[in-house]
Amino acid sequence: MPIASFIMTLDRRDPEQLIRNCQRDPEVEVHGLNDAGLAVVVIDAASSRRMEELAARLQQLDGVLSLAPVYLNAEDEIARIESGEFRPEFSFGRKSEKPATFS
């Protein structure tokens, strides 16, 4: 299960409501908010794809000015890839290239 932390910059008009909107999904936690409108967000998702979906949803919320990744750990998912249990659907090159293969 990948876990990542982000710094989220919020519109300061109603940050408490925005934080509640962010935490509607149990995989998203918001830790702290300072006077400048910066909050620490942690996403603990079932997969990298799910993490991307959640981060994209957060970025689309009205009042989120930016979402910057700070830390990512995906050791569990890497172990699943190496064992052949999981095959990611991405490539390391252009979108038109075939997905990455692992042997």
PDB file of N, CA and C in Angstrom:
ATOM      1  N   MET A   1       0.844  -1.181   0.000  1.00  0.00           N
ATOM      2  CA  MET A   1       0.000   0.000   0.000  1.00  0.00           C
ATOM      3  C   MET A   1       0.890   1.244   0.000  1.00  0.00           C
ATOM      4  N   PRO A   2       0.838   2.007  -1.050  1.00  0.00           N
ATOM      5  CA  PRO A   2       1.624   3.238  -1.071  1.00  0.00           C
ATOM      6  C   PRO A   2       1.071   4.274  -0.083  1.00  0.00           C
ATOM      7  N   ILE A   3       1.997   5.020   0.470  1.00  0.00           N
ATOM      8  CA  ILE A   3       1.629   6.123   1.356  1.00  0.00           C
ATOM      9  C   ILE A   3       2.441   7.333   0.924  1.00  0.00           C
ATOM     10  N   ALA A   4       1.806   8.494   0.917  1.00  0.00           N
ATOM     11  CA  ALA A   4       2.489   9.717   0.494  1.00  0.00           C
ATOM     12  C   ALA A   4       2.005  10.890   1.326  1.00  0.00           C
ATOM     13  N   SER A   5       2.886  11.868   1.456  1.00  0.00           N
ATOM     14  CA  SER A   5       2.488  13.112   2.117  1.00  0.00           C
ATOM     15  C   SER A   5       2.625  14.252   1.121  1.00  0.00           C
ATOM     16  N   PHE A   6       1.811  15.252   1.323  1.00  0.00           N
ATOM     17  CA  PHE A   6       1.755  16.414   0.443  1.00  0.00           C
ATOM     18  C   PHE A   6       1.635  17.674   1.291  1.00  0.00           C
ATOM     19  N   ILE A   7       2.076  18.783   0.739  1.00  0.00           N
ATOM     20  CA  ILE A   7       1.758  20.093   1.309  1.00  0.00           C
ATOM     21  C   ILE A   7       0.666  20.677   0.429  1.00  0.00           C
ATOM     22  N   MET A   8      -0.456  21.002   1.035  1.00  0.00           N
ATOM     23  CA  MET A   8      -1.584  21.558   0.304  1.00  0.00           C
ATOM     24  C   MET A   8      -1.739  23.028   0.688  1.00  0.00           C
ATOM     25  N   THR A   9      -1.824  23.882  -0.313  1.00  0.00           N
ATOM     26  CA  THR A   9      -2.067  25.306  -0.094  1.00  0.00           C
ATOM     27  C   THR A   9      -3.548  25.561  -0.301  1.00  0.00           C
ATOM     28  N   LEU A  10      -4.187  26.148   0.711  1.00  0.00           N
ATOM     29  CA  LEU A  10      -5.634  26.355   0.691  1.00  0.00           C
ATOM     30  C   LEU A  10      -5.976  27.829   0.595  1.00  0.00           C
ATOM     31  N   ASP A  11      -7.113  28.087  -0.020  1.00  0.00           N
ATOM     32  CA  ASP A  11      -7.708  29.419   0.034  1.00  0.00           C
ATOM     33  C   ASP A  11      -8.092  29.637   1.490  1.00  0.00           C
ATOM     34  N   ARG A  12      -7.719  30.755   2.071  1.00  0.00           N
ATOM     35  CA  ARG A  12      -7.904  30.972   3.509  1.00  0.00           C
ATOM     36  C   ARG A  12      -9.307  31.442   3.888  1.00  0.00           C
ATOM     37  N   ARG A  13     -10.243  31.539   2.939  1.00  0.00           N
ATOM     38  CA  ARG A  13     -11.588  32.014   3.288  1.00  0.00           C
ATOM     39  C   ARG A  13     -12.354  31.047   4.174  1.00  0.00           C
ATOM     40  N   ASP A  14     -12.281  29.742   3.896  1.00  0.00           N
ATOM     41  CA  ASP A  14     -12.975  28.758   4.732  1.00  0.00           C
ATOM     42  C   ASP A  14     -12.174  27.458   4.762  1.00  0.00           C
ATOM     43  N   PRO A  15     -10.973  27.478   5.354  1.00  0.00           N
ATOM     44  CA  PRO A  15     -10.114  26.297   5.301  1.00  0.00           C
ATOM     45  C   PRO A  15     -10.671  25.101   6.076  1.00  0.00           C
ATOM     46  N   GLU A  16     -11.412  25.332   7.148  1.00  0.00           N
ATOM     47  CA  GLU A  16     -11.943  24.212   7.925  1.00  0.00           C
ATOM     48  C   GLU A  16     -12.931  23.383   7.101  1.00  0.00           C
ATOM     49  N   GLN A  17     -13.798  24.050   6.337  1.00  0.00           N
ATOM     50  CA  GLN A  17     -14.738  23.329   5.479  1.00  0.00           C
ATOM     51  C   GLN A  17     -13.983  22.585   4.375  1.00  0.00           C
ATOM     52  N   LEU A  18     -12.971  23.205   3.849  1.00  0.00           N
ATOM     53  CA  LEU A  18     -12.172  22.570   2.808  1.00  0.00           C
ATOM     54  C   LEU A  18     -11.476  21.318   3.344  1.00  0.00           C
ATOM     55  N   ILE A  19     -10.974  21.388   4.552  1.00  0.00           N
ATOM     56  CA  ILE A  19     -10.345  20.215   5.163  1.00  0.00           C
ATOM     57  C   ILE A  19     -11.361  19.098   5.352  1.00  0.00           C
ATOM     58  N   ARG A  20     -12.567  19.443   5.782  1.00  0.00           N
ATOM     59  CA  ARG A  20     -13.624  18.422   5.909  1.00  0.00           C
ATOM     60  C   ARG A  20     -13.909  17.785   4.552  1.00  0.00           C
ATOM     61  N   ASN A  21     -13.932  18.569   3.491  1.00  0.00           N
ATOM     62  CA  ASN A  21     -14.161  18.032   2.148  1.00  0.00           C
ATOM     63  C   ASN A  21     -13.026  17.102   1.730  1.00  0.00           C
ATOM     64  N   CYS A  22     -11.811  17.450   2.103  1.00  0.00           N
ATOM     65  CA  CYS A  22     -10.654  16.616   1.761  1.00  0.00           C
ATOM     66  C   CYS A  22     -10.733  15.264   2.452  1.00  0.00           C
ATOM     67  N   GLN A  23     -11.221  15.243   3.670  1.00  0.00           N
ATOM     68  CA  GLN A  23     -11.220  14.027   4.475  1.00  0.00           C
ATOM     69  C   GLN A  23     -12.472  13.176   4.288  1.00  0.00           C
ATOM     70  N   ARG A  24     -13.242  13.437   3.263  1.00  0.00           N
ATOM     71  CA  ARG A  24     -14.430  12.611   3.013  1.00  0.00           C
ATOM     72  C   ARG A  24     -14.056  11.173   2.697  1.00  0.00           C
ATOM     73  N   ASP A  25     -12.871  10.964   2.181  1.00  0.00           N
ATOM     74  CA  ASP A  25     -12.391   9.623   1.887  1.00  0.00           C
ATOM     75  C   ASP A  25     -11.516   9.161   3.047  1.00  0.00           C
ATOM     76  N   PRO A  26     -11.733   7.958   3.569  1.00  0.00           N
ATOM     77  CA  PRO A  26     -10.953   7.502   4.721  1.00  0.00           C
ATOM     78  C   PRO A  26      -9.466   7.314   4.423  1.00  0.00           C
ATOM     79  N   GLU A  27      -9.078   7.309   3.159  1.00  0.00           N
ATOM     80  CA  GLU A  27      -7.667   7.161   2.797  1.00  0.00           C
ATOM     81  C   GLU A  27      -6.910   8.490   2.868  1.00  0.00           C
ATOM     82  N   VAL A  28      -7.630   9.584   3.129  1.00  0.00           N
ATOM     83  CA  VAL A  28      -7.024  10.913   3.169  1.00  0.00           C
ATOM     84  C   VAL A  28      -7.096  11.457   4.595  1.00  0.00           C
ATOM     85  N   GLU A  29      -5.952  11.913   5.090  1.00  0.00           N
ATOM     86  CA  GLU A  29      -5.890  12.549   6.410  1.00  0.00           C
ATOM     87  C   GLU A  29      -5.246  13.917   6.246  1.00  0.00           C
ATOM     88  N   VAL A  30      -5.756  14.889   6.969  1.00  0.00           N
ATOM     89  CA  VAL A  30      -5.166  16.229   6.969  1.00  0.00           C
ATOM     90  C   VAL A  30      -4.634  16.483   8.373  1.00  0.00           C
ATOM     91  N   HIS A  31      -3.365  16.849   8.441  1.00  0.00           N
ATOM     92  CA  HIS A  31      -2.694  17.082   9.722  1.00  0.00           C
ATOM     93  C   HIS A  31      -2.225  18.522   9.785  1.00  0.00           C
ATOM     94  N   GLY A  32      -2.868  19.293  10.599  1.00  0.00           N
ATOM     95  CA  GLY A  32      -2.422  20.659  10.830  1.00  0.00           C
ATOM     96  C   GLY A  32      -2.763  21.619   9.714  1.00  0.00           C
ATOM     97  N   LEU A  33      -2.914  22.852  10.090  1.00  0.00           N
ATOM     98  CA  LEU A  33      -3.179  23.958   9.171  1.00  0.00           C
ATOM     99  C   LEU A  33      -2.568  25.191   9.802  1.00  0.00           C
ATOM    100  N   ASN A  34      -1.722  25.900   9.052  1.00  0.00           N
ATOM    101  CA  ASN A  34      -1.141  27.106   9.634  1.00  0.00           C
ATOM    102  C   ASN A  34      -1.858  28.354   9.121  1.00  0.00           C
ATOM    103  N   ASP A  35      -1.468  29.506   9.629  1.00  0.00           N
ATOM    104  CA  ASP A  35      -2.134  30.764   9.270  1.00  0.00           C
ATOM    105  C   ASP A  35      -1.936  31.153   7.815  1.00  0.00           C
ATOM    106  N   ALA A  36      -0.934  30.581   7.173  1.00  0.00           N
ATOM    107  CA  ALA A  36      -0.674  30.880   5.762  1.00  0.00           C
ATOM    108  C   ALA A  36      -1.539  30.028   4.835  1.00  0.00           C
ATOM    109  N   GLY A  37      -2.320  29.110   5.393  1.00  0.00           N
ATOM    110  CA  GLY A  37      -3.182  28.260   4.571  1.00  0.00           C
ATOM    111  C   GLY A  37      -2.496  27.010   4.072  1.00  0.00           C
ATOM    112  N   LEU A  38      -1.430  26.583   4.745  1.00  0.00           N
ATOM    113  CA  LEU A  38      -0.726  25.354   4.372  1.00  0.00           C
ATOM    114  C   LEU A  38      -1.143  24.227   5.293  1.00  0.00           C
ATOM    115  N   ALA A  39      -1.409  23.055   4.707  1.00  0.00           N
ATOM    116  CA  ALA A  39      -1.795  21.881   5.481  1.00  0.00           C
ATOM    117  C   ALA A  39      -0.978  20.687   5.004  1.00  0.00           C
ATOM    118  N   VAL A  40      -0.728  19.750   5.917  1.00  0.00           N
ATOM    119  CA  VAL A  40      -0.069  18.501   5.567  1.00  0.00           C
ATOM    120  C   VAL A  40      -1.159  17.470   5.299  1.00  0.00           C
ATOM    121  N   VAL A  41      -1.081  16.827   4.138  1.00  0.00           N
ATOM    122  CA  VAL A  41      -2.052  15.816   3.748  1.00  0.00           C
ATOM    123  C   VAL A  41      -1.324  14.490   3.587  1.00  0.00           C
ATOM    124  N   VAL A  42      -1.895  13.420   4.140  1.00  0.00           N
ATOM    125  CA  VAL A  42      -1.345  12.084   3.980  1.00  0.00           C
ATOM    126  C   VAL A  42      -2.388  11.236   3.263  1.00  0.00           C
ATOM    127  N   ILE A  43      -1.948  10.561   2.211  1.00  0.00           N
ATOM    128  CA  ILE A  43      -2.809   9.618   1.490  1.00  0.00           C
ATOM    129  C   ILE A  43      -2.209   8.229   1.680  1.00  0.00           C
ATOM    130  N   ASP A  44      -2.985   7.321   2.224  1.00  0.00           N
ATOM    131  CA  ASP A  44      -2.591   5.933   2.426  1.00  0.00           C
ATOM    132  C   ASP A  44      -3.550   5.100   1.592  1.00  0.00           C
ATOM    133  N   ALA A  45      -3.130   4.780   0.368  1.00  0.00           N
ATOM    134  CA  ALA A  45      -4.039   4.188  -0.614  1.00  0.00           C
ATOM    135  C   ALA A  45      -3.728   2.710  -0.861  1.00  0.00           C
ATOM    136  N   ALA A  46      -4.673   2.023  -1.465  1.00  0.00           N
ATOM    137  CA  ALA A  46      -4.514   0.605  -1.769  1.00  0.00           C
ATOM    138  C   ALA A  46      -3.565   0.368  -2.938  1.00  0.00           C
ATOM    139  N   SER A  47      -3.405   1.364  -3.816  1.00  0.00           N
ATOM    140  CA  SER A  47      -2.529   1.217  -4.985  1.00  0.00           C
ATOM    141  C   SER A  47      -2.068   2.592  -5.448  1.00  0.00           C
ATOM    142  N   SER A  48      -1.052   2.593  -6.278  1.00  0.00           N
ATOM    143  CA  SER A  48      -0.577   3.859  -6.849  1.00  0.00           C
ATOM    144  C   SER A  48      -1.665   4.523  -7.685  1.00  0.00           C
ATOM    145  N   ARG A  49      -2.407   3.710  -8.420  1.00  0.00           N
ATOM    146  CA  ARG A  49      -3.495   4.262  -9.241  1.00  0.00           C
ATOM    147  C   ARG A  49      -4.523   4.963  -8.359  1.00  0.00           C
ATOM    148  N   ARG A  50      -4.880   4.329  -7.241  1.00  0.00           N
ATOM    149  CA  ARG A  50      -5.851   4.930  -6.316  1.00  0.00           C
ATOM    150  C   ARG A  50      -5.286   6.229  -5.730  1.00  0.00           C
ATOM    151  N   MET A  51      -3.980   6.234  -5.433  1.00  0.00           N
ATOM    152  CA  MET A  51      -3.365   7.449  -4.907  1.00  0.00           C
ATOM    153  C   MET A  51      -3.458   8.578  -5.930  1.00  0.00           C
ATOM    154  N   GLU A  52      -3.195   8.267  -7.188  1.00  0.00           N
ATOM    155  CA  GLU A  52      -3.312   9.274  -8.244  1.00  0.00           C
ATOM    156  C   GLU A  52      -4.733   9.818  -8.332  1.00  0.00           C
ATOM    157  N   GLU A  53      -5.719   8.926  -8.223  1.00  0.00           N
ATOM    158  CA  GLU A  53      -7.124   9.353  -8.276  1.00  0.00           C
ATOM    159  C   GLU A  53      -7.448  10.302  -7.121  1.00  0.00           C
ATOM    160  N   LEU A  54      -7.004   9.941  -5.917  1.00  0.00           N
ATOM    161  CA  LEU A  54      -7.286  10.775  -4.752  1.00  0.00           C
ATOM    162  C   LEU A  54      -6.583  12.126  -4.854  1.00  0.00           C
ATOM    163  N   ALA A  55      -5.332  12.129  -5.279  1.00  0.00           N
ATOM    164  CA  ALA A  55      -4.601  13.395  -5.429  1.00  0.00           C
ATOM    165  C   ALA A  55      -5.271  14.276  -6.477  1.00  0.00           C
ATOM    166  N   ALA A  56      -5.715  13.676  -7.576  1.00  0.00           N
ATOM    167  CA  ALA A  56      -6.408  14.449  -8.610  1.00  0.00           C
ATOM    168  C   ALA A  56      -7.713  15.027  -8.073  1.00  0.00           C
ATOM    169  N   ARG A  57      -8.443  14.238  -7.263  1.00  0.00           N
ATOM    170  CA  ARG A  57      -9.696  14.728  -6.680  1.00  0.00           C
ATOM    171  C   ARG A  57      -9.421  15.909  -5.754  1.00  0.00           C
ATOM    172  N   LEU A  58      -8.376  15.791  -4.932  1.00  0.00           N
ATOM    173  CA  LEU A  58      -8.038  16.886  -4.027  1.00  0.00           C
ATOM    174  C   LEU A  58      -7.691  18.157  -4.803  1.00  0.00           C
ATOM    175  N   GLN A  59      -6.944  18.008  -5.883  1.00  0.00           N
ATOM    176  CA  GLN A  59      -6.540  19.172  -6.673  1.00  0.00           C
ATOM    177  C   GLN A  59      -7.730  19.870  -7.315  1.00  0.00           C
ATOM    178  N   GLN A  60      -8.814  19.143  -7.533  1.00  0.00           N
ATOM    179  CA  GLN A  60      -9.998  19.709  -8.177  1.00  0.00           C
ATOM    180  C   GLN A  60     -10.950  20.383  -7.195  1.00  0.00           C
ATOM    181  N   LEU A  61     -10.727  20.204  -5.896  1.00  0.00           N
ATOM    182  CA  LEU A  61     -11.615  20.825  -4.919  1.00  0.00           C
ATOM    183  C   LEU A  61     -11.498  22.344  -4.974  1.00  0.00           C
ATOM    184  N   ASP A  62     -12.648  22.994  -4.942  1.00  0.00           N
ATOM    185  CA  ASP A  62     -12.668  24.456  -4.936  1.00  0.00           C
ATOM    186  C   ASP A  62     -11.993  24.951  -3.663  1.00  0.00           C
ATOM    187  N   GLY A  63     -10.978  25.766  -3.808  1.00  0.00           N
ATOM    188  CA  GLY A  63     -10.263  26.285  -2.661  1.00  0.00           C
ATOM    189  C   GLY A  63      -8.885  25.677  -2.468  1.00  0.00           C
ATOM    190  N   VAL A  64      -8.582  24.592  -3.184  1.00  0.00           N
ATOM    191  CA  VAL A  64      -7.234  24.035  -3.144  1.00  0.00           C
ATOM    192  C   VAL A  64      -6.415  24.762  -4.204  1.00  0.00           C
ATOM    193  N   LEU A  65      -5.392  25.474  -3.740  1.00  0.00           N
ATOM    194  CA  LEU A  65      -4.568  26.248  -4.659  1.00  0.00           C
ATOM    195  C   LEU A  65      -3.425  25.421  -5.225  1.00  0.00           C
ATOM    196  N   SER A  66      -2.889  24.506  -4.422  1.00  0.00           N
ATOM    197  CA  SER A  66      -1.834  23.616  -4.910  1.00  0.00           C
ATOM    198  C   SER A  66      -1.738  22.394  -4.014  1.00  0.00           C
ATOM    199  N   LEU A  67      -1.196  21.324  -4.576  1.00  0.00           N
ATOM    200  CA  LEU A  67      -0.957  20.089  -3.842  1.00  0.00           C
ATOM    201  C   LEU A  67       0.417  19.595  -4.279  1.00  0.00           C
ATOM    202  N   ALA A  68       1.404  19.712  -3.388  1.00  0.00           N
ATOM    203  CA  ALA A  68       2.785  19.377  -3.737  1.00  0.00           C
ATOM    204  C   ALA A  68       3.236  18.120  -3.004  1.00  0.00           C
ATOM    205  N   PRO A  69       3.681  17.091  -3.739  1.00  0.00           N
ATOM    206  CA  PRO A  69       4.160  15.881  -3.080  1.00  0.00           C
ATOM    207  C   PRO A  69       5.454  16.148  -2.316  1.00  0.00           C
ATOM    208  N   VAL A  70       5.568  15.510  -1.154  1.00  0.00           N
ATOM    209  CA  VAL A  70       6.751  15.666  -0.316  1.00  0.00           C
ATOM    210  C   VAL A  70       7.451  14.320  -0.132  1.00  0.00           C
ATOM    211  N   TYR A  71       6.674  13.267   0.071  1.00  0.00           N
ATOM    212  CA  TYR A  71       7.229  11.953   0.387  1.00  0.00           C
ATOM    213  C   TYR A  71       6.340  10.879  -0.212  1.00  0.00           C
ATOM    214  N   LEU A  72       6.965   9.796  -0.711  1.00  0.00           N
ATOM    215  CA  LEU A  72       6.223   8.655  -1.238  1.00  0.00           C
ATOM    216  C   LEU A  72       6.954   7.384  -0.858  1.00  0.00           C
ATOM    217  N   ASN A  73       6.217   6.415  -0.335  1.00  0.00           N
ATOM    218  CA  ASN A  73       6.761   5.100  -0.051  1.00  0.00           C
ATOM    219  C   ASN A  73       5.824   4.078  -0.672  1.00  0.00           C
ATOM    220  N   ALA A  74       6.390   3.242  -1.542  1.00  0.00           N
ATOM    221  CA  ALA A  74       5.580   2.231  -2.223  1.00  0.00           C
ATOM    222  C   ALA A  74       6.262   0.868  -2.175  1.00  0.00           C
ATOM    223  N   GLU A  75       6.984   0.592  -1.089  1.00  0.00           N
ATOM    224  CA  GLU A  75       7.730  -0.661  -0.996  1.00  0.00           C
ATOM    225  C   GLU A  75       6.837  -1.885  -1.144  1.00  0.00           C
ATOM    226  N   ASP A  76       5.662  -1.865  -0.542  1.00  0.00           N
ATOM    227  CA  ASP A  76       4.748  -3.004  -0.654  1.00  0.00           C
ATOM    228  C   ASP A  76       4.373  -3.252  -2.100  1.00  0.00           C
ATOM    229  N   GLU A  77       4.076  -2.181  -2.821  1.00  0.00           N
ATOM    230  CA  GLU A  77       3.685  -2.326  -4.222  1.00  0.00           C
ATOM    231  C   GLU A  77       4.873  -2.789  -5.066  1.00  0.00           C
ATOM    232  N   ILE A  78       6.061  -2.320  -4.768  1.00  0.00           N
ATOM    233  CA  ILE A  78       7.259  -2.758  -5.494  1.00  0.00           C
ATOM    234  C   ILE A  78       7.485  -4.248  -5.286  1.00  0.00           C
ATOM    235  N   ALA A  79       7.298  -4.717  -4.064  1.00  0.00           N
ATOM    236  CA  ALA A  79       7.445  -6.151  -3.783  1.00  0.00           C
ATOM    237  C   ALA A  79       6.422  -6.961  -4.582  1.00  0.00           C
ATOM    238  N   ARG A  80       5.203  -6.458  -4.691  1.00  0.00           N
ATOM    239  CA  ARG A  80       4.166  -7.147  -5.479  1.00  0.00           C
ATOM    240  C   ARG A  80       4.532  -7.174  -6.955  1.00  0.00           C
ATOM    241  N   ILE A  81       5.138  -6.103  -7.455  1.00  0.00           N
ATOM    242  CA  ILE A  81       5.574  -6.050  -8.858  1.00  0.00           C
ATOM    243  C   ILE A  81       6.702  -7.063  -9.079  1.00  0.00           C
ATOM    244  N   GLU A  82       7.684  -7.052  -8.191  1.00  0.00           N
ATOM    245  CA  GLU A  82       8.829  -7.952  -8.332  1.00  0.00           C
ATOM    246  C   GLU A  82       8.427  -9.413  -8.257  1.00  0.00           C
ATOM    247  N   SER A  83       7.414  -9.740  -7.460  1.00  0.00           N
ATOM    248  CA  SER A  83       6.968 -11.130  -7.341  1.00  0.00           C
ATOM    249  C   SER A  83       6.061 -11.554  -8.486  1.00  0.00           C
ATOM    250  N   GLY A  84       5.643 -10.610  -9.315  1.00  0.00           N
ATOM    251  CA  GLY A  84       4.750 -10.920 -10.428  1.00  0.00           C
ATOM    252  C   GLY A  84       3.282 -10.890 -10.051  1.00  0.00           C
ATOM    253  N   GLU A  85       2.982 -10.594  -8.795  1.00  0.00           N
ATOM    254  CA  GLU A  85       1.600 -10.545  -8.311  1.00  0.00           C
ATOM    255  C   GLU A  85       0.831  -9.362  -8.898  1.00  0.00           C
ATOM    256  N   PHE A  86       1.552  -8.293  -9.240  1.00  0.00           N
ATOM    257  CA  PHE A  86       0.923  -7.056  -9.722  1.00  0.00           C
ATOM    258  C   PHE A  86       1.705  -6.552 -10.917  1.00  0.00           C
ATOM    259  N   ARG A  87       0.979  -6.118 -11.938  1.00  0.00           N
ATOM    260  CA  ARG A  87       1.618  -5.556 -13.125  1.00  0.00           C
ATOM    261  C   ARG A  87       1.096  -4.138 -13.333  1.00  0.00           C
ATOM    262  N   PRO A  88       1.965  -3.138 -13.171  1.00  0.00           N
ATOM    263  CA  PRO A  88       1.518  -1.754 -13.334  1.00  0.00           C
ATOM    264  C   PRO A  88       1.160  -1.449 -14.780  1.00  0.00           C
ATOM    265  N   GLU A  89       0.273  -0.500 -14.952  1.00  0.00           N
ATOM    266  CA  GLU A  89      -0.181  -0.104 -16.288  1.00  0.00           C
ATOM    267  C   GLU A  89       0.379   1.270 -16.628  1.00  0.00           C
ATOM    268  N   PHE A  90       1.691   1.358 -16.700  1.00  0.00           N
ATOM    269  CA  PHE A  90       2.323   2.618 -17.065  1.00  0.00           C
ATOM    270  C   PHE A  90       3.583   2.311 -17.852  1.00  0.00           C
ATOM    271  N   SER A  91       4.090   3.317 -18.525  1.00  0.00           N
ATOM    272  CA  SER A  91       5.361   3.164 -19.215  1.00  0.00           C
ATOM    273  C   SER A  91       6.316   4.212 -18.679  1.00  0.00           C
ATOM    274  N   PHE A  92       7.582   3.982 -18.910  1.00  0.00           N
ATOM    275  CA  PHE A  92       8.586   4.936 -18.476  1.00  0.00           C
ATOM    276  C   PHE A  92       8.904   5.939 -19.572  1.00  0.00           C
ATOM    277  N   GLY A  93       8.200   5.852 -20.673  1.00  0.00           N
ATOM    278  CA  GLY A  93       8.469   6.741 -21.804  1.00  0.00           C
ATOM    279  C   GLY A  93       7.221   7.474 -22.232  1.00  0.00           C
ATOM    280  N   ARG A  94       7.101   7.653 -23.522  1.00  0.00           N
ATOM    281  CA  ARG A  94       5.944   8.355 -24.072  1.00  0.00           C
ATOM    282  C   ARG A  94       4.683   7.513 -23.938  1.00  0.00           C
ATOM    283  N   LYS A  95       3.552   8.184 -23.933  1.00  0.00           N
ATOM    284  CA  LYS A  95       2.276   7.483 -23.765  1.00  0.00           C
ATOM    285  C   LYS A  95       2.031   6.450 -24.857  1.00  0.00           C
ATOM    286  N   SER A  96       2.571   6.676 -26.041  1.00  0.00           N
ATOM    287  CA  SER A  96       2.337   5.748 -27.140  1.00  0.00           C
ATOM    288  C   SER A  96       3.181   4.476 -27.025  1.00  0.00           C
ATOM    289  N   GLU A  97       4.147   4.449 -26.104  1.00  0.00           N
ATOM    290  CA  GLU A  97       4.985   3.268 -25.939  1.00  0.00           C
ATOM    291  C   GLU A  97       4.261   2.204 -25.135  1.00  0.00           C
ATOM    292  N   LYS A  98       4.714   0.981 -25.306  1.00  0.00           N
ATOM    293  CA  LYS A  98       4.127  -0.144 -24.580  1.00  0.00           C
ATOM    294  C   LYS A  98       4.387  -0.003 -23.082  1.00  0.00           C
ATOM    295  N   PRO A  99       3.495  -0.568 -22.242  1.00  0.00           N
ATOM    296  CA  PRO A  99       3.702  -0.520 -20.793  1.00  0.00           C
ATOM    297  C   PRO A  99       5.021  -1.188 -20.405  1.00  0.00           C
ATOM    298  N   ALA A 100       5.538  -0.795 -19.271  1.00  0.00           N
ATOM    299  CA  ALA A 100       6.786  -1.351 -18.758  1.00  0.00           C
ATOM    300  C   ALA A 100       6.620  -2.830 -18.476  1.00  0.00           C
ATOM    301  N   THR A 101       7.686  -3.575 -18.698  1.00  0.00           N
ATOM    302  CA  THR A 101       7.677  -4.999 -18.346  1.00  0.00           C
ATOM    303  C   THR A 101       8.746  -5.229 -17.311  1.00  0.00           C
ATOM    304  N   PHE A 102       8.485  -6.155 -16.423  1.00  0.00           N
ATOM    305  CA  PHE A 102       9.411  -6.488 -15.361  1.00  0.00           C
ATOM    306  C   PHE A 102       9.706  -7.969 -15.442  1.00  0.00           C
ATOM    307  N   SER A 103      10.958  -8.333 -15.328  1.00  0.00           N
ATOM    308  CA  SER A 103      11.280  -9.765 -15.378  1.00  0.00           C
ATOM    309  C   SER A 103      12.028 -10.195 -14.151  1.00  0.00           C
TER     310      SER A 103
END
